[in-house]
Amino acid sequence: MTPKQKEALDYITDYIAEYGGISPSFQNIADGLGIKSKSGAHRLVWALHEMGAIHISAGRGRRITIPGADTNLSRAAAWGEVQAVARMLLSGSITKENAAKKLLVLAAVK
């Protein structure tokens, strides 16, 4: 792994942890690493994928995952969803019944 690939992997890992399981876009990666174009970030990400350091799911935006990553990231994403439901409930944009249904679905996700 080159130093730039290591820097990209660290950036992606930190981003996913900071944003509750959401992976960075190629533009986020380019900006975060000081790369002038998204294509440069794309080449780095695919090199990391080919060596097995990350996984890219086909057909999804923001689809980078770290193999063997701590499951706390998925818990963090679920916690973000719980917070979103709470905000909707407080703002009145969702009923108590619908909020309860959403929370039950979240609780069932493993």
N, C-alpha and C. Protein backbone atom coordinates (compact mmCIF):
# COMPACT_ATOMS: atom_id res chain seq x y z
N MET A 1 0.86 -1.17 0.00
CA MET A 1 0.00 0.00 0.00
C MET A 1 0.90 1.24 0.00
N THR A 2 0.61 2.15 -0.92
CA THR A 2 1.39 3.38 -0.99
C THR A 2 0.98 4.32 0.14
N PRO A 3 1.82 5.30 0.44
CA PRO A 3 1.44 6.26 1.47
C PRO A 3 0.13 7.00 1.15
N LYS A 4 -0.08 7.31 -0.12
CA LYS A 4 -1.32 8.01 -0.50
C LYS A 4 -2.52 7.09 -0.34
N GLN A 5 -2.38 5.81 -0.65
CA GLN A 5 -3.47 4.86 -0.44
C GLN A 5 -3.77 4.72 1.04
N LYS A 6 -2.74 4.69 1.87
CA LYS A 6 -2.93 4.61 3.32
C LYS A 6 -3.66 5.85 3.82
N GLU A 7 -3.27 7.00 3.31
CA GLU A 7 -3.93 8.26 3.67
C GLU A 7 -5.41 8.22 3.27
N ALA A 8 -5.68 7.70 2.08
CA ALA A 8 -7.07 7.59 1.61
C ALA A 8 -7.86 6.63 2.49
N LEU A 9 -7.27 5.49 2.83
CA LEU A 9 -7.95 4.52 3.68
C LEU A 9 -8.25 5.12 5.05
N ASP A 10 -7.29 5.82 5.62
CA ASP A 10 -7.51 6.48 6.92
C ASP A 10 -8.62 7.52 6.81
N TYR A 11 -8.62 8.30 5.73
CA TYR A 11 -9.65 9.32 5.54
C TYR A 11 -11.03 8.67 5.44
N ILE A 12 -11.15 7.62 4.64
CA ILE A 12 -12.44 6.93 4.47
C ILE A 12 -12.92 6.35 5.80
N THR A 13 -12.02 5.69 6.52
CA THR A 13 -12.37 5.10 7.81
C THR A 13 -12.84 6.17 8.80
N ASP A 14 -12.09 7.26 8.89
CA ASP A 14 -12.47 8.35 9.79
C ASP A 14 -13.80 8.98 9.39
N TYR A 15 -14.01 9.16 8.09
CA TYR A 15 -15.25 9.76 7.60
C TYR A 15 -16.45 8.89 7.97
N ILE A 16 -16.33 7.60 7.74
CA ILE A 16 -17.42 6.68 8.04
C ILE A 16 -17.73 6.70 9.54
N ALA A 17 -16.70 6.75 10.36
CA ALA A 17 -16.91 6.80 11.81
C ALA A 17 -17.56 8.13 12.22
N GLU A 18 -17.10 9.23 11.64
CA GLU A 18 -17.62 10.54 12.01
C GLU A 18 -19.07 10.75 11.56
N TYR A 19 -19.42 10.20 10.40
CA TYR A 19 -20.76 10.44 9.85
C TYR A 19 -21.69 9.25 10.03
N GLY A 20 -21.44 8.45 11.06
CA GLY A 20 -22.37 7.41 11.46
C GLY A 20 -22.60 6.33 10.42
N GLY A 21 -21.55 5.88 9.76
CA GLY A 21 -21.69 4.78 8.82
C GLY A 21 -21.88 5.20 7.38
N ILE A 22 -21.98 6.49 7.12
CA ILE A 22 -22.13 6.98 5.74
C ILE A 22 -20.74 7.12 5.14
N SER A 23 -20.55 6.56 3.95
CA SER A 23 -19.24 6.65 3.33
C SER A 23 -19.09 7.96 2.57
N PRO A 24 -17.86 8.41 2.37
CA PRO A 24 -17.63 9.66 1.64
C PRO A 24 -17.85 9.48 0.14
N SER A 25 -18.20 10.57 -0.51
CA SER A 25 -18.28 10.55 -1.97
C SER A 25 -16.86 10.70 -2.53
N PHE A 26 -16.71 10.47 -3.81
CA PHE A 26 -15.40 10.66 -4.43
C PHE A 26 -14.96 12.12 -4.30
N GLN A 27 -15.91 13.05 -4.38
CA GLN A 27 -15.57 14.46 -4.22
C GLN A 27 -15.11 14.74 -2.80
N ASN A 28 -15.78 14.14 -1.78
CA ASN A 28 -15.33 14.29 -0.40
C ASN A 28 -13.89 13.81 -0.24
N ILE A 29 -13.61 12.66 -0.83
CA ILE A 29 -12.26 12.08 -0.73
C ILE A 29 -11.24 12.99 -1.41
N ALA A 30 -11.57 13.45 -2.61
CA ALA A 30 -10.66 14.35 -3.33
C ALA A 30 -10.39 15.61 -2.51
N ASP A 31 -11.44 16.21 -1.97
CA ASP A 31 -11.28 17.42 -1.17
C ASP A 31 -10.48 17.14 0.10
N GLY A 32 -10.80 16.03 0.76
CA GLY A 32 -10.14 15.69 2.02
C GLY A 32 -8.67 15.39 1.87
N LEU A 33 -8.29 14.89 0.71
CA LEU A 33 -6.88 14.53 0.48
C LEU A 33 -6.12 15.57 -0.34
N GLY A 34 -6.82 16.63 -0.74
CA GLY A 34 -6.17 17.66 -1.54
C GLY A 34 -5.89 17.22 -2.96
N ILE A 35 -6.72 16.30 -3.48
CA ILE A 35 -6.58 15.83 -4.86
C ILE A 35 -7.40 16.76 -5.75
N LYS A 36 -6.86 17.10 -6.90
CA LYS A 36 -7.51 18.09 -7.75
C LYS A 36 -8.77 17.60 -8.47
N SER A 37 -8.92 16.28 -8.62
CA SER A 37 -10.08 15.79 -9.37
C SER A 37 -10.69 14.56 -8.71
N LYS A 38 -11.96 14.36 -9.01
CA LYS A 38 -12.64 13.16 -8.52
C LYS A 38 -12.03 11.91 -9.14
N SER A 39 -11.53 12.01 -10.35
CA SER A 39 -10.96 10.82 -10.99
C SER A 39 -9.73 10.32 -10.25
N GLY A 40 -8.95 11.23 -9.68
CA GLY A 40 -7.80 10.83 -8.87
C GLY A 40 -8.25 10.07 -7.62
N ALA A 41 -9.31 10.55 -6.99
CA ALA A 41 -9.87 9.86 -5.82
C ALA A 41 -10.44 8.52 -6.25
N HIS A 42 -11.08 8.48 -7.40
CA HIS A 42 -11.66 7.24 -7.92
C HIS A 42 -10.57 6.17 -8.10
N ARG A 43 -9.44 6.56 -8.67
CA ARG A 43 -8.33 5.61 -8.87
C ARG A 43 -7.82 5.08 -7.54
N LEU A 44 -7.68 5.96 -6.54
CA LEU A 44 -7.22 5.53 -5.22
C LEU A 44 -8.21 4.54 -4.58
N VAL A 45 -9.49 4.88 -4.65
CA VAL A 45 -10.52 4.04 -4.04
C VAL A 45 -10.56 2.67 -4.71
N TRP A 46 -10.50 2.63 -6.03
CA TRP A 46 -10.54 1.33 -6.71
C TRP A 46 -9.28 0.51 -6.45
N ALA A 47 -8.14 1.17 -6.28
CA ALA A 47 -6.92 0.44 -5.92
C ALA A 47 -7.08 -0.18 -4.54
N LEU A 48 -7.68 0.55 -3.60
CA LEU A 48 -7.94 0.01 -2.26
C LEU A 48 -8.91 -1.16 -2.33
N HIS A 49 -9.90 -1.04 -3.20
CA HIS A 49 -10.89 -2.12 -3.38
C HIS A 49 -10.21 -3.37 -3.94
N GLU A 50 -9.38 -3.18 -4.94
CA GLU A 50 -8.71 -4.32 -5.58
C GLU A 50 -7.78 -5.06 -4.62
N MET A 51 -7.19 -4.34 -3.65
CA MET A 51 -6.32 -5.01 -2.68
C MET A 51 -7.09 -5.53 -1.47
N GLY A 52 -8.42 -5.30 -1.44
CA GLY A 52 -9.24 -5.84 -0.36
C GLY A 52 -9.30 -4.99 0.89
N ALA A 53 -8.75 -3.78 0.84
CA ALA A 53 -8.77 -2.90 2.01
C ALA A 53 -10.15 -2.30 2.26
N ILE A 54 -10.93 -2.14 1.18
CA ILE A 54 -12.31 -1.64 1.28
C ILE A 54 -13.19 -2.49 0.36
N HIS A 55 -14.50 -2.33 0.53
CA HIS A 55 -15.45 -3.01 -0.34
C HIS A 55 -16.35 -1.95 -0.95
N ILE A 56 -16.59 -2.08 -2.24
CA ILE A 56 -17.49 -1.16 -2.94
C ILE A 56 -18.68 -1.97 -3.44
N SER A 57 -19.87 -1.61 -2.98
CA SER A 57 -21.09 -2.29 -3.41
C SER A 57 -21.55 -1.69 -4.72
N ALA A 58 -21.86 -2.54 -5.68
CA ALA A 58 -22.28 -2.08 -7.01
C ALA A 58 -23.65 -1.41 -6.96
N GLY A 59 -23.78 -0.37 -7.75
CA GLY A 59 -25.08 0.25 -7.97
C GLY A 59 -25.60 1.11 -6.83
N ARG A 60 -24.75 1.52 -5.92
CA ARG A 60 -25.22 2.36 -4.82
C ARG A 60 -24.28 3.55 -4.67
N GLY A 61 -24.85 4.72 -4.43
CA GLY A 61 -24.04 5.88 -4.13
C GLY A 61 -23.50 5.75 -2.71
N ARG A 62 -22.38 6.35 -2.46
CA ARG A 62 -21.76 6.31 -1.13
C ARG A 62 -21.77 4.89 -0.59
N ARG A 63 -21.11 4.03 -1.30
CA ARG A 63 -21.23 2.59 -1.10
C ARG A 63 -19.97 1.91 -0.60
N ILE A 64 -19.05 2.66 -0.02
CA ILE A 64 -17.79 2.10 0.45
C ILE A 64 -17.96 1.57 1.87
N THR A 65 -17.51 0.35 2.11
CA THR A 65 -17.48 -0.20 3.46
C THR A 65 -16.08 -0.74 3.74
N ILE A 66 -15.77 -0.87 5.01
CA ILE A 66 -14.48 -1.39 5.43
C ILE A 66 -14.69 -2.82 5.91
N PRO A 67 -14.13 -3.81 5.22
CA PRO A 67 -14.31 -5.20 5.65
C PRO A 67 -13.82 -5.40 7.09
N GLY A 68 -14.64 -6.08 7.88
CA GLY A 68 -14.27 -6.37 9.26
C GLY A 68 -14.36 -5.17 10.18
N ALA A 69 -14.97 -4.08 9.71
CA ALA A 69 -15.07 -2.88 10.56
C ALA A 69 -15.97 -3.16 11.75
N ASP A 70 -15.75 -2.41 12.79
CA ASP A 70 -16.52 -2.55 14.02
C ASP A 70 -18.01 -2.33 13.74
N THR A 71 -18.84 -3.16 14.30
CA THR A 71 -20.29 -3.03 14.10
C THR A 71 -20.84 -1.79 14.76
N ASN A 72 -20.04 -1.09 15.55
CA ASN A 72 -20.52 0.16 16.14
C ASN A 72 -20.87 1.18 15.08
N LEU A 73 -20.27 1.04 13.88
CA LEU A 73 -20.62 1.96 12.81
C LEU A 73 -22.06 1.78 12.39
N SER A 74 -22.53 0.52 12.29
CA SER A 74 -23.92 0.32 11.94
C SER A 74 -24.83 0.77 13.08
N ARG A 75 -24.37 0.61 14.31
CA ARG A 75 -25.14 1.12 15.44
C ARG A 75 -25.22 2.63 15.40
N ALA A 76 -24.12 3.26 15.00
CA ALA A 76 -24.09 4.72 14.89
C ALA A 76 -25.07 5.18 13.82
N ALA A 77 -25.14 4.46 12.71
CA ALA A 77 -26.09 4.81 11.65
C ALA A 77 -27.52 4.67 12.16
N ALA A 78 -27.78 3.59 12.90
CA ALA A 78 -29.13 3.39 13.46
C ALA A 78 -29.44 4.50 14.46
N TRP A 79 -28.46 4.88 15.27
CA TRP A 79 -28.68 5.96 16.23
C TRP A 79 -29.01 7.26 15.50
N GLY A 80 -28.36 7.51 14.38
CA GLY A 80 -28.70 8.69 13.58
C GLY A 80 -30.13 8.65 13.10
N GLU A 81 -30.61 7.47 12.74
CA GLU A 81 -32.01 7.31 12.33
C GLU A 81 -32.95 7.58 13.50
N VAL A 82 -32.61 7.10 14.68
CA VAL A 82 -33.43 7.35 15.88
C VAL A 82 -33.51 8.85 16.14
N GLN A 83 -32.37 9.53 16.02
CA GLN A 83 -32.36 10.97 16.23
C GLN A 83 -33.22 11.68 15.19
N ALA A 84 -33.20 11.21 13.96
CA ALA A 84 -34.02 11.82 12.90
C ALA A 84 -35.51 11.64 13.22
N VAL A 85 -35.89 10.46 13.70
CA VAL A 85 -37.29 10.23 14.06
C VAL A 85 -37.69 11.16 15.21
N ALA A 86 -36.80 11.31 16.18
CA ALA A 86 -37.09 12.20 17.31
C ALA A 86 -37.28 13.64 16.84
N ARG A 87 -36.44 14.09 15.91
CA ARG A 87 -36.58 15.46 15.38
C ARG A 87 -37.91 15.62 14.66
N MET A 88 -38.29 14.60 13.86
CA MET A 88 -39.57 14.67 13.15
C MET A 88 -40.73 14.71 14.13
N LEU A 89 -40.64 13.92 15.18
CA LEU A 89 -41.70 13.88 16.18
C LEU A 89 -41.81 15.23 16.88
N LEU A 90 -40.70 15.80 17.26
CA LEU A 90 -40.71 17.10 17.94
C LEU A 90 -41.21 18.23 17.04
N SER A 91 -40.91 18.12 15.76
CA SER A 91 -41.36 19.18 14.84
C SER A 91 -42.81 19.01 14.41
N GLY A 92 -43.39 17.85 14.74
CA GLY A 92 -44.78 17.60 14.38
C GLY A 92 -44.96 17.07 12.97
N SER A 93 -43.88 16.71 12.30
CA SER A 93 -44.00 16.23 10.92
C SER A 93 -44.28 14.73 10.85
N ILE A 94 -44.41 14.08 12.00
CA ILE A 94 -44.73 12.66 12.05
C ILE A 94 -45.60 12.41 13.28
N THR A 95 -46.54 11.49 13.16
CA THR A 95 -47.39 11.17 14.31
C THR A 95 -46.66 10.23 15.27
N LYS A 96 -47.16 10.16 16.49
CA LYS A 96 -46.57 9.24 17.48
C LYS A 96 -46.63 7.81 16.98
N GLU A 97 -47.72 7.44 16.34
CA GLU A 97 -47.89 6.08 15.85
C GLU A 97 -46.86 5.74 14.78
N ASN A 98 -46.68 6.66 13.83
CA ASN A 98 -45.70 6.42 12.77
C ASN A 98 -44.28 6.42 13.31
N ALA A 99 -44.00 7.27 14.30
CA ALA A 99 -42.69 7.29 14.92
C ALA A 99 -42.43 5.96 15.60
N ALA A 100 -43.43 5.44 16.30
CA ALA A 100 -43.29 4.15 16.99
C ALA A 100 -43.02 3.04 15.98
N LYS A 101 -43.72 3.06 14.84
CA LYS A 101 -43.50 2.04 13.81
C LYS A 101 -42.07 2.10 13.29
N LYS A 102 -41.58 3.33 13.01
CA LYS A 102 -40.21 3.48 12.50
C LYS A 102 -39.19 2.98 13.53
N LEU A 103 -39.43 3.29 14.79
CA LEU A 103 -38.49 2.87 15.84
C LEU A 103 -38.50 1.35 16.01
N LEU A 104 -39.68 0.73 15.86
CA LEU A 104 -39.75 -0.73 15.95
C LEU A 104 -38.98 -1.38 14.81
N VAL A 105 -39.07 -0.81 13.62
CA VAL A 105 -38.32 -1.33 12.48
C VAL A 105 -36.82 -1.20 12.74
N LEU A 106 -36.40 -0.06 13.26
CA LEU A 106 -34.99 0.14 13.57
C LEU A 106 -34.50 -0.85 14.63
N ALA A 107 -35.34 -1.11 15.61
CA ALA A 107 -34.96 -2.04 16.68
C ALA A 107 -34.78 -3.46 16.14
N ALA A 108 -35.50 -3.79 15.08
CA ALA A 108 -35.44 -5.14 14.50
C ALA A 108 -34.21 -5.33 13.62
N VAL A 109 -33.59 -4.24 13.18
CA VAL A 109 -32.42 -4.33 12.31
C VAL A 109 -31.23 -4.79 13.12
N LYS A 110 -30.52 -5.78 12.58
CA LYS A 110 -29.34 -6.30 13.30
C LYS A 110 -28.08 -5.76 12.71
